[in-house]
Amino acid sequence: MKKFLSGVKGKQILVSGLAVLVMIAGYYRWSVDKKSDTLAVMSDAEVTETEKVETIETEQDGDYFARARYERDCARTEAAELLKVSNTGTEENEELAAKNREKLEKSAKNMEDETAIENMVIAKGYSDCVAFVDESGVRVVVKSDSLEASGVAQIKDIVVEQTGAKVTDIKISTKQ
């Protein structure tokens, strides 16, 4: 084992593995904490009364939106730090360094998109919002009792304009 970790490649593999584990743990924690029913936005069709987005149960331990943003940012910061650490001394493996730079750039772009989506949704009159952008799609949670068809369409348009995501990859839910 010592022989394996003594080389630069062994350390890079170890750090890359740790980065993947941190991302998986962050996603697992987010999925366990999320107690929401989401509605996938499939088309521009009108939403009927029975298809309205259901409200997520109220959190009893504080502000959901602030906590969600904090946990999202912490997970991204940890992953970025691990990727940066794995880039040190990678003259021998430029391919790994290029992949790590690409991951960091994609993460930075996702963070910019999330902030822009949140700001635009709040500008549309909602009191708070949190967005999650990743390779699987975009999830938006809006602080509201209910969401009408026009609200779903506005949020969908914001997400598509900002990220270019397919309409089928957008999930919108509400939270009080």
C-alpha atoms as a PDB file:
ATOM      1  CA  MET A   1       0.000   0.000   0.000  1.00  0.00           C
ATOM      2  CA  LYS A   2       2.837   2.405   0.816  1.00  0.00           C
ATOM      3  CA  LYS A   3       4.414   1.716  -2.542  1.00  0.00           C
ATOM      4  CA  PHE A   4       1.126   2.537  -4.289  1.00  0.00           C
ATOM      5  CA  LEU A   5       0.688   5.853  -2.470  1.00  0.00           C
ATOM      6  CA  SER A   6       4.322   6.880  -2.750  1.00  0.00           C
ATOM      7  CA  GLY A   7       3.977   7.920  -6.396  1.00  0.00           C
ATOM      8  CA  VAL A   8       2.237  11.033  -7.667  1.00  0.00           C
ATOM      9  CA  LYS A   9      -0.288   8.960  -9.631  1.00  0.00           C
ATOM     10  CA  GLY A  10      -1.299   7.007  -6.542  1.00  0.00           C
ATOM     11  CA  LYS A  11      -1.931  10.200  -4.599  1.00  0.00           C
ATOM     12  CA  GLN A  12      -3.918  11.673  -7.487  1.00  0.00           C
ATOM     13  CA  ILE A  13      -6.081   8.582  -7.695  1.00  0.00           C
ATOM     14  CA  LEU A  14      -6.641   8.675  -3.946  1.00  0.00           C
ATOM     15  CA  VAL A  15      -7.596  12.375  -3.935  1.00  0.00           C
ATOM     16  CA  SER A  16      -9.824  11.935  -6.990  1.00  0.00           C
ATOM     17  CA  GLY A  17     -11.554   9.033  -5.248  1.00  0.00           C
ATOM     18  CA  LEU A  18     -12.075  11.162  -2.158  1.00  0.00           C
ATOM     19  CA  ALA A  19     -13.531  13.966  -4.298  1.00  0.00           C
ATOM     20  CA  VAL A  20     -16.037  11.547  -5.811  1.00  0.00           C
ATOM     21  CA  LEU A  21     -16.980  10.229  -2.363  1.00  0.00           C
ATOM     22  CA  VAL A  22     -17.549  13.771  -1.045  1.00  0.00           C
ATOM     23  CA  MET A  23     -19.803  14.564  -3.993  1.00  0.00           C
ATOM     24  CA  ILE A  24     -21.754  11.327  -3.496  1.00  0.00           C
ATOM     25  CA  ALA A  25     -22.107  12.016   0.237  1.00  0.00           C
ATOM     26  CA  GLY A  26     -23.316  15.563  -0.488  1.00  0.00           C
ATOM     27  CA  TYR A  27     -25.889  14.313  -2.963  1.00  0.00           C
ATOM     28  CA  TYR A  28     -27.042  11.585  -0.553  1.00  0.00           C
ATOM     29  CA  ARG A  29     -27.445  14.094   2.265  1.00  0.00           C
ATOM     30  CA  TRP A  30     -29.357  16.449   0.007  1.00  0.00           C
ATOM     31  CA  SER A  31     -31.670  13.677  -1.210  1.00  0.00           C
ATOM     32  CA  VAL A  32     -32.329  12.438   2.342  1.00  0.00           C
ATOM     33  CA  ASP A  33     -32.994  15.963   3.677  1.00  0.00           C
ATOM     34  CA  LYS A  34     -35.254  16.776   0.782  1.00  0.00           C
ATOM     35  CA  LYS A  35     -38.785  15.937   1.794  1.00  0.00           C
ATOM     36  CA  SER A  36     -40.459  17.293  -1.266  1.00  0.00           C
ATOM     37  CA  ASP A  37     -42.772  16.277  -3.995  1.00  0.00           C
ATOM     38  CA  THR A  38     -41.619  17.734  -7.274  1.00  0.00           C
ATOM     39  CA  LEU A  39     -43.446  18.282 -10.489  1.00  0.00           C
ATOM     40  CA  ALA A  40     -41.503  17.827 -13.691  1.00  0.00           C
ATOM     41  CA  VAL A  41     -42.353  20.525 -16.184  1.00  0.00           C
ATOM     42  CA  MET A  42     -43.004  18.608 -19.390  1.00  0.00           C
ATOM     43  CA  SER A  43     -44.497  21.215 -21.722  1.00  0.00           C
ATOM     44  CA  ASP A  44     -46.074  24.619 -22.020  1.00  0.00           C
ATOM     45  CA  ALA A  45     -49.533  23.130 -21.457  1.00  0.00           C
ATOM     46  CA  GLU A  46     -51.770  24.741 -18.876  1.00  0.00           C
ATOM     47  CA  VAL A  47     -51.650  23.248 -15.407  1.00  0.00           C
ATOM     48  CA  THR A  48     -55.055  22.217 -14.076  1.00  0.00           C
ATOM     49  CA  GLU A  49     -56.186  22.567 -10.471  1.00  0.00           C
ATOM     50  CA  THR A  50     -55.288  18.949  -9.698  1.00  0.00           C
ATOM     51  CA  GLU A  51     -51.814  19.294 -11.215  1.00  0.00           C
ATOM     52  CA  LYS A  52     -50.674  22.247  -9.084  1.00  0.00           C
ATOM     53  CA  VAL A  53     -47.331  21.790  -7.416  1.00  0.00           C
ATOM     54  CA  GLU A  54     -47.796  20.431  -3.914  1.00  0.00           C
ATOM     55  CA  THR A  55     -46.422  22.344  -0.966  1.00  0.00           C
ATOM     56  CA  ILE A  56     -43.550  20.793   0.936  1.00  0.00           C
ATOM     57  CA  GLU A  57     -44.062  20.363   4.675  1.00  0.00           C
ATOM     58  CA  THR A  58     -42.784  23.278   6.731  1.00  0.00           C
ATOM     59  CA  GLU A  59     -39.347  22.784   8.261  1.00  0.00           C
ATOM     60  CA  GLN A  60     -39.402  22.994  12.032  1.00  0.00           C
ATOM     61  CA  ASP A  61     -35.686  23.572  12.505  1.00  0.00           C
ATOM     62  CA  GLY A  62     -35.112  26.875  10.739  1.00  0.00           C
ATOM     63  CA  ASP A  63     -35.047  28.504   7.347  1.00  0.00           C
ATOM     64  CA  TYR A  64     -34.995  25.811   4.663  1.00  0.00           C
ATOM     65  CA  PHE A  65     -33.728  28.132   1.937  1.00  0.00           C
ATOM     66  CA  ALA A  66     -30.737  29.466   3.867  1.00  0.00           C
ATOM     67  CA  ARG A  67     -29.807  25.972   5.032  1.00  0.00           C
ATOM     68  CA  ALA A  68     -30.123  24.505   1.528  1.00  0.00           C
ATOM     69  CA  ARG A  69     -27.911  27.243   0.048  1.00  0.00           C
ATOM     70  CA  TYR A  70     -25.342  26.769   2.798  1.00  0.00           C
ATOM     71  CA  GLU A  71     -25.165  22.985   2.381  1.00  0.00           C
ATOM     72  CA  ARG A  72     -25.001  23.292  -1.414  1.00  0.00           C
ATOM     73  CA  ASP A  73     -22.167  25.817  -1.209  1.00  0.00           C
ATOM     74  CA  CYS A  74     -20.248  23.774   1.383  1.00  0.00           C
ATOM     75  CA  ALA A  75     -20.416  20.621  -0.727  1.00  0.00           C
ATOM     76  CA  ARG A  76     -19.234  22.505  -3.814  1.00  0.00           C
ATOM     77  CA  THR A  77     -16.407  24.203  -1.917  1.00  0.00           C
ATOM     78  CA  GLU A  78     -15.154  20.890  -0.529  1.00  0.00           C
ATOM     79  CA  ALA A  79     -15.271  19.261  -3.960  1.00  0.00           C
ATOM     80  CA  ALA A  80     -13.451  22.207  -5.531  1.00  0.00           C
ATOM     81  CA  GLU A  81     -10.733  22.087  -2.868  1.00  0.00           C
ATOM     82  CA  LEU A  82     -10.218  18.376  -3.432  1.00  0.00           C
ATOM     83  CA  LEU A  83      -9.953  18.926  -7.184  1.00  0.00           C
ATOM     84  CA  LYS A  84      -7.436  21.739  -6.658  1.00  0.00           C
ATOM     85  CA  VAL A  85      -5.355  19.575  -4.321  1.00  0.00           C
ATOM     86  CA  SER A  86      -5.340  16.747  -6.841  1.00  0.00           C
ATOM     87  CA  ASN A  87      -3.971  19.179  -9.460  1.00  0.00           C
ATOM     88  CA  THR A  88      -0.789  19.879  -7.499  1.00  0.00           C
ATOM     89  CA  GLY A  89       2.201  18.179  -9.028  1.00  0.00           C
ATOM     90  CA  THR A  90       0.327  16.900 -12.074  1.00  0.00           C
ATOM     91  CA  GLU A  91       2.985  17.720 -14.663  1.00  0.00           C
ATOM     92  CA  GLU A  92       3.169  13.985 -15.299  1.00  0.00           C
ATOM     93  CA  ASN A  93      -0.566  13.650 -15.854  1.00  0.00           C
ATOM     94  CA  GLU A  94      -1.861  16.636 -17.817  1.00  0.00           C
ATOM     95  CA  GLU A  95      -5.001  14.737 -18.805  1.00  0.00           C
ATOM     96  CA  LEU A  96      -6.138  14.480 -15.179  1.00  0.00           C
ATOM     97  CA  ALA A  97      -5.326  18.149 -14.599  1.00  0.00           C
ATOM     98  CA  ALA A  98      -7.359  19.130 -17.680  1.00  0.00           C
ATOM     99  CA  LYS A  99     -10.330  17.038 -16.495  1.00  0.00           C
ATOM    100  CA  ASN A 100     -10.148  18.620 -13.024  1.00  0.00           C
ATOM    101  CA  ARG A 101     -10.018  22.128 -14.524  1.00  0.00           C
ATOM    102  CA  GLU A 102     -13.039  21.270 -16.652  1.00  0.00           C
ATOM    103  CA  LYS A 103     -14.939  20.028 -13.580  1.00  0.00           C
ATOM    104  CA  LEU A 104     -14.053  23.221 -11.681  1.00  0.00           C
ATOM    105  CA  GLU A 105     -15.197  25.395 -14.596  1.00  0.00           C
ATOM    106  CA  LYS A 106     -18.473  23.471 -14.872  1.00  0.00           C
ATOM    107  CA  SER A 107     -19.037  23.805 -11.126  1.00  0.00           C
ATOM    108  CA  ALA A 108     -18.387  27.558 -11.309  1.00  0.00           C
ATOM    109  CA  LYS A 109     -20.830  27.883 -14.224  1.00  0.00           C
ATOM    110  CA  ASN A 110     -23.474  25.919 -12.295  1.00  0.00           C
ATOM    111  CA  MET A 111     -23.001  28.217  -9.286  1.00  0.00           C
ATOM    112  CA  GLU A 112     -23.443  31.301 -11.492  1.00  0.00           C
ATOM    113  CA  ASP A 113     -26.565  29.794 -13.059  1.00  0.00           C
ATOM    114  CA  GLU A 114     -28.041  28.953  -9.640  1.00  0.00           C
ATOM    115  CA  THR A 115     -27.476  32.494  -8.367  1.00  0.00           C
ATOM    116  CA  ALA A 116     -28.947  34.038 -11.506  1.00  0.00           C
ATOM    117  CA  ILE A 117     -32.013  31.758 -11.393  1.00  0.00           C
ATOM    118  CA  GLU A 118     -32.591  32.531  -7.708  1.00  0.00           C
ATOM    119  CA  ASN A 119     -32.282  36.300  -8.275  1.00  0.00           C
ATOM    120  CA  MET A 120     -34.589  36.289 -11.315  1.00  0.00           C
ATOM    121  CA  VAL A 121     -37.250  34.180  -9.577  1.00  0.00           C
ATOM    122  CA  ILE A 122     -37.174  36.484  -6.543  1.00  0.00           C
ATOM    123  CA  ALA A 123     -37.448  39.462  -8.920  1.00  0.00           C
ATOM    124  CA  LYS A 124     -40.682  37.910 -10.261  1.00  0.00           C
ATOM    125  CA  GLY A 125     -42.258  38.429  -6.835  1.00  0.00           C
ATOM    126  CA  TYR A 126     -41.496  35.268  -4.882  1.00  0.00           C
ATOM    127  CA  SER A 127     -40.130  35.869  -1.388  1.00  0.00           C
ATOM    128  CA  ASP A 128     -37.355  33.231  -1.621  1.00  0.00           C
ATOM    129  CA  CYS A 129     -35.983  30.579  -3.908  1.00  0.00           C
ATOM    130  CA  VAL A 130     -33.161  28.031  -4.077  1.00  0.00           C
ATOM    131  CA  ALA A 131     -31.925  26.382  -7.281  1.00  0.00           C
ATOM    132  CA  PHE A 132     -29.812  23.275  -7.825  1.00  0.00           C
ATOM    133  CA  VAL A 133     -28.092  22.882 -11.200  1.00  0.00           C
ATOM    134  CA  ASP A 134     -26.176  19.700 -12.028  1.00  0.00           C
ATOM    135  CA  GLU A 135     -25.695  17.227 -14.867  1.00  0.00           C
ATOM    136  CA  SER A 136     -29.037  15.542 -14.131  1.00  0.00           C
ATOM    137  CA  GLY A 137     -31.066  18.736 -14.543  1.00  0.00           C
ATOM    138  CA  VAL A 138     -32.334  21.745 -12.639  1.00  0.00           C
ATOM    139  CA  ARG A 139     -34.392  21.710  -9.453  1.00  0.00           C
ATOM    140  CA  VAL A 140     -36.000  24.913  -8.194  1.00  0.00           C
ATOM    141  CA  VAL A 141     -37.734  25.274  -4.832  1.00  0.00           C
ATOM    142  CA  VAL A 142     -39.843  28.417  -4.427  1.00  0.00           C
ATOM    143  CA  LYS A 143     -41.188  29.839  -1.180  1.00  0.00           C
ATOM    144  CA  SER A 144     -44.926  29.872  -1.790  1.00  0.00           C
ATOM    145  CA  ASP A 145     -48.148  28.253  -0.621  1.00  0.00           C
ATOM    146  CA  SER A 146     -48.999  27.165  -4.147  1.00  0.00           C
ATOM    147  CA  LEU A 147     -47.821  27.775  -7.669  1.00  0.00           C
ATOM    148  CA  GLU A 148     -50.128  28.619 -10.554  1.00  0.00           C
ATOM    149  CA  ALA A 149     -49.550  27.673 -14.188  1.00  0.00           C
ATOM    150  CA  SER A 150     -48.255  31.148 -14.974  1.00  0.00           C
ATOM    151  CA  GLY A 151     -45.686  30.873 -12.169  1.00  0.00           C
ATOM    152  CA  VAL A 152     -44.489  27.488 -13.425  1.00  0.00           C
ATOM    153  CA  ALA A 153     -44.159  28.918 -16.945  1.00  0.00           C
ATOM    154  CA  GLN A 154     -42.212  31.967 -15.697  1.00  0.00           C
ATOM    155  CA  ILE A 155     -39.791  29.855 -13.681  1.00  0.00           C
ATOM    156  CA  LYS A 156     -39.383  27.391 -16.554  1.00  0.00           C
ATOM    157  CA  ASP A 157     -38.583  30.243 -18.952  1.00  0.00           C
ATOM    158  CA  ILE A 158     -35.999  31.652 -16.530  1.00  0.00           C
ATOM    159  CA  VAL A 159     -34.292  28.262 -16.147  1.00  0.00           C
ATOM    160  CA  VAL A 160     -34.252  27.509 -19.881  1.00  0.00           C
ATOM    161  CA  GLU A 161     -32.930  30.985 -20.693  1.00  0.00           C
ATOM    162  CA  GLN A 162     -30.206  30.791 -18.056  1.00  0.00           C
ATOM    163  CA  THR A 163     -29.035  27.193 -18.405  1.00  0.00           C
ATOM    164  CA  GLY A 164     -30.288  25.933 -21.747  1.00  0.00           C
ATOM    165  CA  ALA A 165     -31.652  22.860 -19.945  1.00  0.00           C
ATOM    166  CA  LYS A 166     -34.307  20.736 -21.603  1.00  0.00           C
ATOM    167  CA  VAL A 167     -37.809  21.363 -20.300  1.00  0.00           C
ATOM    168  CA  THR A 168     -38.076  17.712 -19.251  1.00  0.00           C
ATOM    169  CA  ASP A 169     -35.026  18.125 -16.974  1.00  0.00           C
ATOM    170  CA  ILE A 170     -36.597  20.947 -14.924  1.00  0.00           C
ATOM    171  CA  LYS A 171     -38.339  20.188 -11.636  1.00  0.00           C
ATOM    172  CA  ILE A 172     -40.152  22.900  -9.699  1.00  0.00           C
ATOM    173  CA  SER A 173     -41.572  22.587  -6.191  1.00  0.00           C
ATOM    174  CA  THR A 174     -42.835  24.893  -3.462  1.00  0.00           C
ATOM    175  CA  LYS A 175     -41.971  25.268   0.179  1.00  0.00           C
ATOM    176  CA  GLN A 176     -43.570  27.424   2.825  1.00  0.00           C
END
